[in-house]
Amino acid sequence: MEKLGIIAGAGDLPVLLAQAASSQGHTPIVIQITQSSSKRLTSVASEVFSFGIGQMRKITRTFLDLGVREIVIVGKIEKSILFRPFLVDSRAIKILASTRNKGVQALISSILNYFESEGLTVIEQHRFLKGLMPQPGVLTKKQPTQSQWADLRYGMQLARQVADVDIGQTVVVKNRMPIAIEAIEGTDETIKRGGKLGGKGIVVAKAAATHHDFRVDVPTIGLQTLEVLHAVRGSVIAVEAERTFVMNQETLCEQADRWQISIVAVA
């Protein structure tokens, strides 16, 4: 069986990817880089290691020594870690120094280039998880109102522009006005801020950049996102069709309908 290396962040995606890869004839070998390790990974992966996010040489050497040639980077890795002290090796220091003040995407590109230069091919997450990406349309029974359609279309246009300049992926709008724009705090905190400022009925839109690199990140929504939006009395979540992971779609949409929240996949 062909070996597949998985660099795992937090959340359910690493487990789902390992399960999908295993069912397709691959042997998953996992390196966890977050403190919140998943016991579920040990039941599906051939081997599981835990290294720091800055131990680039150790991660690379482990995969190569085990005969891995293709890797996937998947799971949540908070951008704010870049502003906290963490253990780094000489290679990580060089990457950080070369991309200083150039943005998150420049840092990601340098990391991917490093892995590729060492003989590890980084493949896209959705090679194994395509089923999590919805087709265009309203995913819930709850349909947006006419004014909400106007907001979500405006919000999606704005979210794509924000993503294209490497700021974030999520925006909160109401009455065709931007209420909150994601920076480094993440989607949930952006929604909380938008709810505080915009009040009941806010619309959330989440999008990727035009030339987004899906090898290292796929925009994702799940129950936690929905719970945050419900807590601030929001109305709609709009995501990009075929470019977003929607976790546990059936269960998610059933809960959204109970809370009278529309979920829309926009082409």
C-alpha atoms as a PDB file:
ATOM      1  CA  MET A   1       0.000   0.000   0.000  1.00  0.00           C
ATOM      2  CA  GLU A   2       1.242   3.479  -0.867  1.00  0.00           C
ATOM      3  CA  LYS A   3       2.142   5.555   2.158  1.00  0.00           C
ATOM      4  CA  LEU A   4       0.567   8.976   2.676  1.00  0.00           C
ATOM      5  CA  GLY A   5       2.000  11.491   5.139  1.00  0.00           C
ATOM      6  CA  ILE A   6      -0.494  13.651   6.989  1.00  0.00           C
ATOM      7  CA  ILE A   7       0.557  16.800   8.844  1.00  0.00           C
ATOM      8  CA  ALA A   8      -2.406  17.167  11.176  1.00  0.00           C
ATOM      9  CA  GLY A   9      -3.749  20.306  12.776  1.00  0.00           C
ATOM     10  CA  ALA A  10      -6.754  20.405  15.097  1.00  0.00           C
ATOM     11  CA  GLY A  11     -10.319  19.306  14.381  1.00  0.00           C
ATOM     12  CA  ASP A  12     -11.994  16.395  12.599  1.00  0.00           C
ATOM     13  CA  LEU A  13     -10.545  16.893   9.119  1.00  0.00           C
ATOM     14  CA  PRO A  14      -7.282  14.958   9.744  1.00  0.00           C
ATOM     15  CA  VAL A  15      -9.279  11.951  10.956  1.00  0.00           C
ATOM     16  CA  LEU A  16     -11.686  12.098   8.004  1.00  0.00           C
ATOM     17  CA  LEU A  17      -8.814  12.406   5.552  1.00  0.00           C
ATOM     18  CA  ALA A  18      -6.901   9.513   7.126  1.00  0.00           C
ATOM     19  CA  GLN A  19     -10.034   7.340   6.945  1.00  0.00           C
ATOM     20  CA  ALA A  20     -10.672   8.286   3.308  1.00  0.00           C
ATOM     21  CA  ALA A  21      -7.033   7.687   2.342  1.00  0.00           C
ATOM     22  CA  SER A  22      -7.033   4.296   4.048  1.00  0.00           C
ATOM     23  CA  SER A  23     -10.226   3.262   2.228  1.00  0.00           C
ATOM     24  CA  GLN A  24      -8.536   4.193  -1.066  1.00  0.00           C
ATOM     25  CA  GLY A  25      -5.546   1.945  -0.462  1.00  0.00           C
ATOM     26  CA  HIS A  26      -3.122   4.299   1.260  1.00  0.00           C
ATOM     27  CA  THR A  27      -1.285   3.784   4.542  1.00  0.00           C
ATOM     28  CA  PRO A  28      -1.669   7.001   6.596  1.00  0.00           C
ATOM     29  CA  ILE A  29       1.350   8.150   8.613  1.00  0.00           C
ATOM     30  CA  VAL A  30       0.464  11.130  10.792  1.00  0.00           C
ATOM     31  CA  ILE A  31       2.507  13.898  12.369  1.00  0.00           C
ATOM     32  CA  GLN A  32       0.421  15.984  14.763  1.00  0.00           C
ATOM     33  CA  ILE A  33       1.549  19.592  15.154  1.00  0.00           C
ATOM     34  CA  THR A  34      -1.042  20.878  17.605  1.00  0.00           C
ATOM     35  CA  GLN A  35      -1.325  20.350  21.338  1.00  0.00           C
ATOM     36  CA  SER A  36      -4.895  19.080  20.993  1.00  0.00           C
ATOM     37  CA  SER A  37      -4.010  15.605  19.736  1.00  0.00           C
ATOM     38  CA  SER A  38      -6.727  13.248  18.522  1.00  0.00           C
ATOM     39  CA  LYS A  39      -6.896   9.713  19.892  1.00  0.00           C
ATOM     40  CA  ARG A  40      -9.064   8.809  16.900  1.00  0.00           C
ATOM     41  CA  LEU A  41      -6.037   9.189  14.615  1.00  0.00           C
ATOM     42  CA  THR A  42      -4.222   6.342  16.321  1.00  0.00           C
ATOM     43  CA  SER A  43      -7.021   3.946  15.353  1.00  0.00           C
ATOM     44  CA  VAL A  44      -6.771   4.680  11.627  1.00  0.00           C
ATOM     45  CA  ALA A  45      -3.124   5.706  11.068  1.00  0.00           C
ATOM     46  CA  SER A  46      -0.240   3.280  10.686  1.00  0.00           C
ATOM     47  CA  GLU A  47       1.991   5.476  12.870  1.00  0.00           C
ATOM     48  CA  VAL A  48       1.400   8.746  14.733  1.00  0.00           C
ATOM     49  CA  PHE A  49       4.074  11.228  15.834  1.00  0.00           C
ATOM     50  CA  SER A  50       3.803  14.539  17.685  1.00  0.00           C
ATOM     51  CA  PHE A  51       6.211  17.324  16.723  1.00  0.00           C
ATOM     52  CA  GLY A  52       6.180  21.092  17.079  1.00  0.00           C
ATOM     53  CA  ILE A  53       5.058  23.203  14.140  1.00  0.00           C
ATOM     54  CA  GLY A  54       8.558  24.671  13.847  1.00  0.00           C
ATOM     55  CA  GLN A  55      10.441  21.361  13.665  1.00  0.00           C
ATOM     56  CA  MET A  56      10.631  21.367   9.887  1.00  0.00           C
ATOM     57  CA  ARG A  57      13.685  19.146   9.472  1.00  0.00           C
ATOM     58  CA  LYS A  58      12.368  16.548  11.915  1.00  0.00           C
ATOM     59  CA  ILE A  59       9.009  16.400  10.156  1.00  0.00           C
ATOM     60  CA  THR A  60      10.650  16.028   6.752  1.00  0.00           C
ATOM     61  CA  ARG A  61      13.202  13.436   7.847  1.00  0.00           C
ATOM     62  CA  THR A  62      10.566  11.310   9.596  1.00  0.00           C
ATOM     63  CA  PHE A  63       8.439  11.079   6.474  1.00  0.00           C
ATOM     64  CA  LEU A  64      11.364  10.371   4.162  1.00  0.00           C
ATOM     65  CA  ASP A  65      12.848   7.715   6.455  1.00  0.00           C
ATOM     66  CA  LEU A  66       9.485   5.911   6.455  1.00  0.00           C
ATOM     67  CA  GLY A  67       9.252   5.940   2.668  1.00  0.00           C
ATOM     68  CA  VAL A  68       6.623   8.679   2.368  1.00  0.00           C
ATOM     69  CA  ARG A  69       6.703  10.705  -0.837  1.00  0.00           C
ATOM     70  CA  GLU A  70       3.301  12.426  -0.799  1.00  0.00           C
ATOM     71  CA  ILE A  71       1.958  14.475   2.108  1.00  0.00           C
ATOM     72  CA  VAL A  72      -1.215  16.363   2.976  1.00  0.00           C
ATOM     73  CA  ILE A  73      -1.416  19.307   5.374  1.00  0.00           C
ATOM     74  CA  VAL A  74      -4.867  19.344   6.946  1.00  0.00           C
ATOM     75  CA  GLY A  75      -6.670  20.598  10.053  1.00  0.00           C
ATOM     76  CA  LYS A  76      -6.895  23.871  11.884  1.00  0.00           C
ATOM     77  CA  ILE A  77      -3.687  25.765  12.622  1.00  0.00           C
ATOM     78  CA  GLU A  78      -4.265  29.126  14.248  1.00  0.00           C
ATOM     79  CA  LYS A  79      -2.487  31.978  12.446  1.00  0.00           C
ATOM     80  CA  SER A  80      -1.944  33.677  15.805  1.00  0.00           C
ATOM     81  CA  ILE A  81       0.750  31.099  16.600  1.00  0.00           C
ATOM     82  CA  LEU A  82       3.085  33.255  14.512  1.00  0.00           C
ATOM     83  CA  PHE A  83       2.995  35.844  17.289  1.00  0.00           C
ATOM     84  CA  ARG A  84       3.710  33.391  20.113  1.00  0.00           C
ATOM     85  CA  PRO A  85       7.059  31.845  21.000  1.00  0.00           C
ATOM     86  CA  PHE A  86       7.395  28.280  19.710  1.00  0.00           C
ATOM     87  CA  LEU A  87      10.237  25.840  19.129  1.00  0.00           C
ATOM     88  CA  VAL A  88      11.850  26.298  15.724  1.00  0.00           C
ATOM     89  CA  ASP A  89      14.787  24.641  14.030  1.00  0.00           C
ATOM     90  CA  SER A  90      17.291  26.275  11.680  1.00  0.00           C
ATOM     91  CA  ARG A  91      15.185  25.633   8.583  1.00  0.00           C
ATOM     92  CA  ALA A  92      12.088  27.182  10.159  1.00  0.00           C
ATOM     93  CA  ILE A  93      14.116  30.217  11.198  1.00  0.00           C
ATOM     94  CA  LYS A  94      15.278  30.719   7.608  1.00  0.00           C
ATOM     95  CA  ILE A  95      11.718  30.432   6.305  1.00  0.00           C
ATOM     96  CA  LEU A  96      10.394  32.917   8.873  1.00  0.00           C
ATOM     97  CA  ALA A  97      13.231  35.357   8.164  1.00  0.00           C
ATOM     98  CA  SER A  98      12.772  35.189   4.387  1.00  0.00           C
ATOM     99  CA  THR A  99       9.038  35.908   4.586  1.00  0.00           C
ATOM    100  CA  ARG A 100       9.008  38.556   7.310  1.00  0.00           C
ATOM    101  CA  ASN A 101       6.460  41.302   6.548  1.00  0.00           C
ATOM    102  CA  LYS A 102       5.337  39.500   3.371  1.00  0.00           C
ATOM    103  CA  GLY A 103       2.080  38.011   4.650  1.00  0.00           C
ATOM    104  CA  VAL A 104       0.720  34.607   5.559  1.00  0.00           C
ATOM    105  CA  GLN A 105       0.496  33.355   1.968  1.00  0.00           C
ATOM    106  CA  ALA A 106       4.200  34.060   1.402  1.00  0.00           C
ATOM    107  CA  LEU A 107       5.011  32.044   4.517  1.00  0.00           C
ATOM    108  CA  ILE A 108       2.808  29.164   3.357  1.00  0.00           C
ATOM    109  CA  SER A 109       4.430  29.167  -0.091  1.00  0.00           C
ATOM    110  CA  SER A 110       7.905  29.012   1.450  1.00  0.00           C
ATOM    111  CA  ILE A 111       6.920  26.059   3.640  1.00  0.00           C
ATOM    112  CA  LEU A 112       5.469  24.183   0.670  1.00  0.00           C
ATOM    113  CA  ASN A 113       8.538  24.952  -1.435  1.00  0.00           C
ATOM    114  CA  TYR A 114      10.748  23.572   1.320  1.00  0.00           C
ATOM    115  CA  PHE A 115       8.865  20.274   1.488  1.00  0.00           C
ATOM    116  CA  GLU A 116       8.920  19.962  -2.295  1.00  0.00           C
ATOM    117  CA  SER A 117      12.674  20.688  -2.444  1.00  0.00           C
ATOM    118  CA  GLU A 118      13.273  17.868   0.043  1.00  0.00           C
ATOM    119  CA  GLY A 119      11.406  15.335  -2.092  1.00  0.00           C
ATOM    120  CA  LEU A 120       7.921  15.485  -0.544  1.00  0.00           C
ATOM    121  CA  THR A 121       5.036  16.272  -2.879  1.00  0.00           C
ATOM    122  CA  VAL A 122       2.291  18.262  -1.145  1.00  0.00           C
ATOM    123  CA  ILE A 123      -1.115  17.291  -2.535  1.00  0.00           C
ATOM    124  CA  GLU A 124      -4.492  18.979  -2.195  1.00  0.00           C
ATOM    125  CA  GLN A 125      -6.744  18.012   0.703  1.00  0.00           C
ATOM    126  CA  HIS A 126      -9.811  17.583  -1.466  1.00  0.00           C
ATOM    127  CA  ARG A 127      -8.254  14.742  -3.440  1.00  0.00           C
ATOM    128  CA  PHE A 128      -9.595  12.582  -0.613  1.00  0.00           C
ATOM    129  CA  LEU A 129     -12.396  14.801   0.722  1.00  0.00           C
ATOM    130  CA  LYS A 130     -14.202  15.987  -2.398  1.00  0.00           C
ATOM    131  CA  GLY A 131     -17.481  14.741  -0.936  1.00  0.00           C
ATOM    132  CA  LEU A 132     -17.394  17.499   1.692  1.00  0.00           C
ATOM    133  CA  MET A 133     -17.630  20.212  -0.996  1.00  0.00           C
ATOM    134  CA  PRO A 134     -21.256  21.121  -1.833  1.00  0.00           C
ATOM    135  CA  GLN A 135     -22.663  21.924  -5.242  1.00  0.00           C
ATOM    136  CA  PRO A 136     -24.242  25.380  -5.787  1.00  0.00           C
ATOM    137  CA  GLY A 137     -27.586  25.980  -4.131  1.00  0.00           C
ATOM    138  CA  VAL A 138     -29.402  26.478  -0.844  1.00  0.00           C
ATOM    139  CA  LEU A 139     -28.356  23.569   1.385  1.00  0.00           C
ATOM    140  CA  THR A 140     -31.053  24.100   4.023  1.00  0.00           C
ATOM    141  CA  LYS A 141     -34.819  23.976   3.772  1.00  0.00           C
ATOM    142  CA  LYS A 142     -34.788  27.529   5.151  1.00  0.00           C
ATOM    143  CA  GLN A 143     -34.531  29.862   2.157  1.00  0.00           C
ATOM    144  CA  PRO A 144     -32.964  33.327   2.401  1.00  0.00           C
ATOM    145  CA  THR A 145     -35.287  36.286   2.079  1.00  0.00           C
ATOM    146  CA  GLN A 146     -34.911  38.712  -0.808  1.00  0.00           C
ATOM    147  CA  SER A 147     -32.895  41.144   1.326  1.00  0.00           C
ATOM    148  CA  GLN A 148     -30.715  38.313   2.616  1.00  0.00           C
ATOM    149  CA  TRP A 149     -29.975  37.240  -0.963  1.00  0.00           C
ATOM    150  CA  ALA A 150     -28.765  40.777  -1.648  1.00  0.00           C
ATOM    151  CA  ASP A 151     -26.589  40.681   1.476  1.00  0.00           C
ATOM    152  CA  LEU A 152     -25.070  37.285   0.788  1.00  0.00           C
ATOM    153  CA  ARG A 153     -24.199  38.161  -2.812  1.00  0.00           C
ATOM    154  CA  TYR A 154     -22.612  41.404  -1.672  1.00  0.00           C
ATOM    155  CA  GLY A 155     -20.874  39.582   1.187  1.00  0.00           C
ATOM    156  CA  MET A 156     -19.455  36.913  -1.103  1.00  0.00           C
ATOM    157  CA  GLN A 157     -18.093  39.523  -3.489  1.00  0.00           C
ATOM    158  CA  LEU A 158     -16.474  41.344  -0.567  1.00  0.00           C
ATOM    159  CA  ALA A 159     -15.109  38.116   0.976  1.00  0.00           C
ATOM    160  CA  ARG A 160     -13.405  37.204  -2.290  1.00  0.00           C
ATOM    161  CA  GLN A 161     -11.776  40.628  -2.466  1.00  0.00           C
ATOM    162  CA  VAL A 162     -10.587  40.369   1.140  1.00  0.00           C
ATOM    163  CA  ALA A 163      -9.163  36.907   0.467  1.00  0.00           C
ATOM    164  CA  ASP A 164      -7.389  38.114  -2.677  1.00  0.00           C
ATOM    165  CA  VAL A 165      -5.364  40.642  -0.679  1.00  0.00           C
ATOM    166  CA  ASP A 166      -4.417  37.987   1.925  1.00  0.00           C
ATOM    167  CA  ILE A 167      -6.367  39.461   4.853  1.00  0.00           C
ATOM    168  CA  GLY A 168      -8.905  36.751   5.707  1.00  0.00           C
ATOM    169  CA  GLN A 169     -11.727  34.638   4.321  1.00  0.00           C
ATOM    170  CA  THR A 170     -14.795  35.746   6.273  1.00  0.00           C
ATOM    171  CA  VAL A 171     -16.896  38.908   6.265  1.00  0.00           C
ATOM    172  CA  VAL A 172     -20.057  39.856   8.135  1.00  0.00           C
ATOM    173  CA  VAL A 173     -22.550  42.143   6.402  1.00  0.00           C
ATOM    174  CA  LYS A 174     -25.989  43.600   6.993  1.00  0.00           C
ATOM    175  CA  ASN A 175     -28.093  45.811   4.725  1.00  0.00           C
ATOM    176  CA  ARG A 176     -25.262  45.669   2.161  1.00  0.00           C
ATOM    177  CA  MET A 177     -22.819  47.186   4.606  1.00  0.00           C
ATOM    178  CA  PRO A 178     -19.615  45.509   5.870  1.00  0.00           C
ATOM    179  CA  ILE A 179     -19.851  44.969   9.630  1.00  0.00           C
ATOM    180  CA  ALA A 180     -16.759  42.868  10.374  1.00  0.00           C
ATOM    181  CA  ILE A 181     -13.832  41.573   8.316  1.00  0.00           C
ATOM    182  CA  GLU A 182     -11.690  38.647   9.396  1.00  0.00           C
ATOM    183  CA  ALA A 183      -8.012  39.298  10.032  1.00  0.00           C
ATOM    184  CA  ILE A 184      -5.921  36.947  12.171  1.00  0.00           C
ATOM    185  CA  GLU A 185      -8.570  36.209  14.814  1.00  0.00           C
ATOM    186  CA  GLY A 186     -10.414  33.563  12.784  1.00  0.00           C
ATOM    187  CA  THR A 187     -13.965  33.012  11.594  1.00  0.00           C
ATOM    188  CA  ASP A 188     -15.716  32.519  14.941  1.00  0.00           C
ATOM    189  CA  GLU A 189     -14.328  35.670  16.533  1.00  0.00           C
ATOM    190  CA  THR A 190     -15.194  37.646  13.400  1.00  0.00           C
ATOM    191  CA  ILE A 191     -18.806  36.451  13.637  1.00  0.00           C
ATOM    192  CA  LYS A 192     -18.954  37.354  17.340  1.00  0.00           C
ATOM    193  CA  ARG A 193     -17.652  40.838  16.591  1.00  0.00           C
ATOM    194  CA  GLY A 194     -20.055  41.208  13.684  1.00  0.00           C
ATOM    195  CA  GLY A 195     -22.962  40.101  15.831  1.00  0.00           C
ATOM    196  CA  LYS A 196     -22.076  42.596  18.533  1.00  0.00           C
ATOM    197  CA  LEU A 197     -21.909  45.434  16.026  1.00  0.00           C
ATOM    198  CA  GLY A 198     -24.658  44.440  13.595  1.00  0.00           C
ATOM    199  CA  GLY A 199     -27.169  42.777  15.874  1.00  0.00           C
ATOM    200  CA  LYS A 200     -29.876  40.347  14.799  1.00  0.00           C
ATOM    201  CA  GLY A 201     -29.981  39.250  11.168  1.00  0.00           C
ATOM    202  CA  ILE A 202     -26.321  39.474  10.163  1.00  0.00           C
ATOM    203  CA  VAL A 203     -25.141  37.519   7.110  1.00  0.00           C
ATOM    204  CA  VAL A 204     -21.786  35.720   7.038  1.00  0.00           C
ATOM    205  CA  ALA A 205     -19.875  35.048   3.816  1.00  0.00           C
ATOM    206  CA  LYS A 206     -16.747  32.915   3.557  1.00  0.00           C
ATOM    207  CA  ALA A 207     -14.567  32.648   0.444  1.00  0.00           C
ATOM    208  CA  ALA A 208     -11.112  31.709  -0.788  1.00  0.00           C
ATOM    209  CA  ALA A 209      -8.754  33.805  -2.892  1.00  0.00           C
ATOM    210  CA  THR A 210      -9.009  33.582  -6.662  1.00  0.00           C
ATOM    211  CA  HIS A 211      -5.696  31.710  -6.800  1.00  0.00           C
ATOM    212  CA  HIS A 212      -6.051  30.018  -3.413  1.00  0.00           C
ATOM    213  CA  ASP A 213      -3.630  27.170  -2.714  1.00  0.00           C
ATOM    214  CA  PHE A 214      -5.841  24.264  -1.651  1.00  0.00           C
ATOM    215  CA  ARG A 215      -2.817  22.161  -0.712  1.00  0.00           C
ATOM    216  CA  VAL A 216      -2.594  23.801   2.684  1.00  0.00           C
ATOM    217  CA  ASP A 217      -6.026  25.196   3.463  1.00  0.00           C
ATOM    218  CA  VAL A 218      -9.638  24.704   2.426  1.00  0.00           C
ATOM    219  CA  PRO A 219     -12.235  27.129   3.847  1.00  0.00           C
ATOM    220  CA  THR A 220     -14.375  25.105   6.257  1.00  0.00           C
ATOM    221  CA  ILE A 221     -17.595  25.515   8.207  1.00  0.00           C
ATOM    222  CA  GLY A 222     -19.130  23.169  10.749  1.00  0.00           C
ATOM    223  CA  LEU A 223     -21.325  22.987  13.813  1.00  0.00           C
ATOM    224  CA  GLN A 224     -19.128  25.326  15.837  1.00  0.00           C
ATOM    225  CA  THR A 225     -19.496  28.048  13.204  1.00  0.00           C
ATOM    226  CA  LEU A 226     -23.251  27.540  13.184  1.00  0.00           C
ATOM    227  CA  GLU A 227     -23.451  27.691  16.981  1.00  0.00           C
ATOM    228  CA  VAL A 228     -21.572  30.992  17.033  1.00  0.00           C
ATOM    229  CA  LEU A 229     -23.874  32.479  14.402  1.00  0.00           C
ATOM    230  CA  HIS A 230     -26.954  31.264  16.292  1.00  0.00           C
ATOM    231  CA  ALA A 231     -25.624  32.818  19.517  1.00  0.00           C
ATOM    232  CA  VAL A 232     -25.478  36.255  17.867  1.00  0.00           C
ATOM    233  CA  ARG A 233     -28.883  35.727  16.151  1.00  0.00           C
ATOM    234  CA  GLY A 234     -27.444  35.632  12.634  1.00  0.00           C
ATOM    235  CA  SER A 235     -29.475  34.622   9.593  1.00  0.00           C
ATOM    236  CA  VAL A 236     -27.290  33.235   6.803  1.00  0.00           C
ATOM    237  CA  ILE A 237     -23.972  31.540   6.117  1.00  0.00           C
ATOM    238  CA  ALA A 238     -22.808  31.778   2.492  1.00  0.00           C
ATOM    239  CA  VAL A 239     -19.850  29.724   1.269  1.00  0.00           C
ATOM    240  CA  GLU A 240     -18.264  29.037  -2.098  1.00  0.00           C
ATOM    241  CA  ALA A 241     -19.637  25.969  -3.830  1.00  0.00           C
ATOM    242  CA  GLU A 242     -17.070  23.276  -4.662  1.00  0.00           C
ATOM    243  CA  ARG A 243     -14.372  25.290  -2.828  1.00  0.00           C
ATOM    244  CA  THR A 244     -15.489  24.893   0.802  1.00  0.00           C
ATOM    245  CA  PHE A 245     -15.663  21.946   3.182  1.00  0.00           C
ATOM    246  CA  VAL A 246     -19.064  21.706   4.876  1.00  0.00           C
ATOM    247  CA  MET A 247     -18.659  19.320   7.786  1.00  0.00           C
ATOM    248  CA  ASN A 248     -21.438  16.822   8.555  1.00  0.00           C
ATOM    249  CA  GLN A 249     -23.665  18.566   6.021  1.00  0.00           C
ATOM    250  CA  GLU A 250     -26.893  16.679   6.722  1.00  0.00           C
ATOM    251  CA  THR A 251     -26.712  17.141  10.498  1.00  0.00           C
ATOM    252  CA  LEU A 252     -25.509  20.731  10.111  1.00  0.00           C
ATOM    253  CA  CYS A 253     -28.407  21.685   7.851  1.00  0.00           C
ATOM    254  CA  GLU A 254     -30.973  20.007  10.077  1.00  0.00           C
ATOM    255  CA  GLN A 255     -29.739  22.078  13.010  1.00  0.00           C
ATOM    256  CA  ALA A 256     -29.643  25.226  10.886  1.00  0.00           C
ATOM    257  CA  ASP A 257     -33.283  24.678   9.930  1.00  0.00           C
ATOM    258  CA  ARG A 258     -34.213  24.322  13.599  1.00  0.00           C
ATOM    259  CA  TRP A 259     -32.515  27.638  14.271  1.00  0.00           C
ATOM    260  CA  GLN A 260     -33.970  29.282  11.133  1.00  0.00           C
ATOM    261  CA  ILE A 261     -30.546  29.855   9.593  1.00  0.00           C
ATOM    262  CA  SER A 262     -29.986  29.490   5.844  1.00  0.00           C
ATOM    263  CA  ILE A 263     -26.809  27.904   4.472  1.00  0.00           C
ATOM    264  CA  VAL A 264     -26.068  28.719   0.832  1.00  0.00           C
ATOM    265  CA  ALA A 265     -23.333  27.450  -1.498  1.00  0.00           C
ATOM    266  CA  VAL A 266     -22.595  30.168  -4.052  1.00  0.00           C
ATOM    267  CA  ALA A 267     -21.028  29.466  -7.447  1.00  0.00           C
END
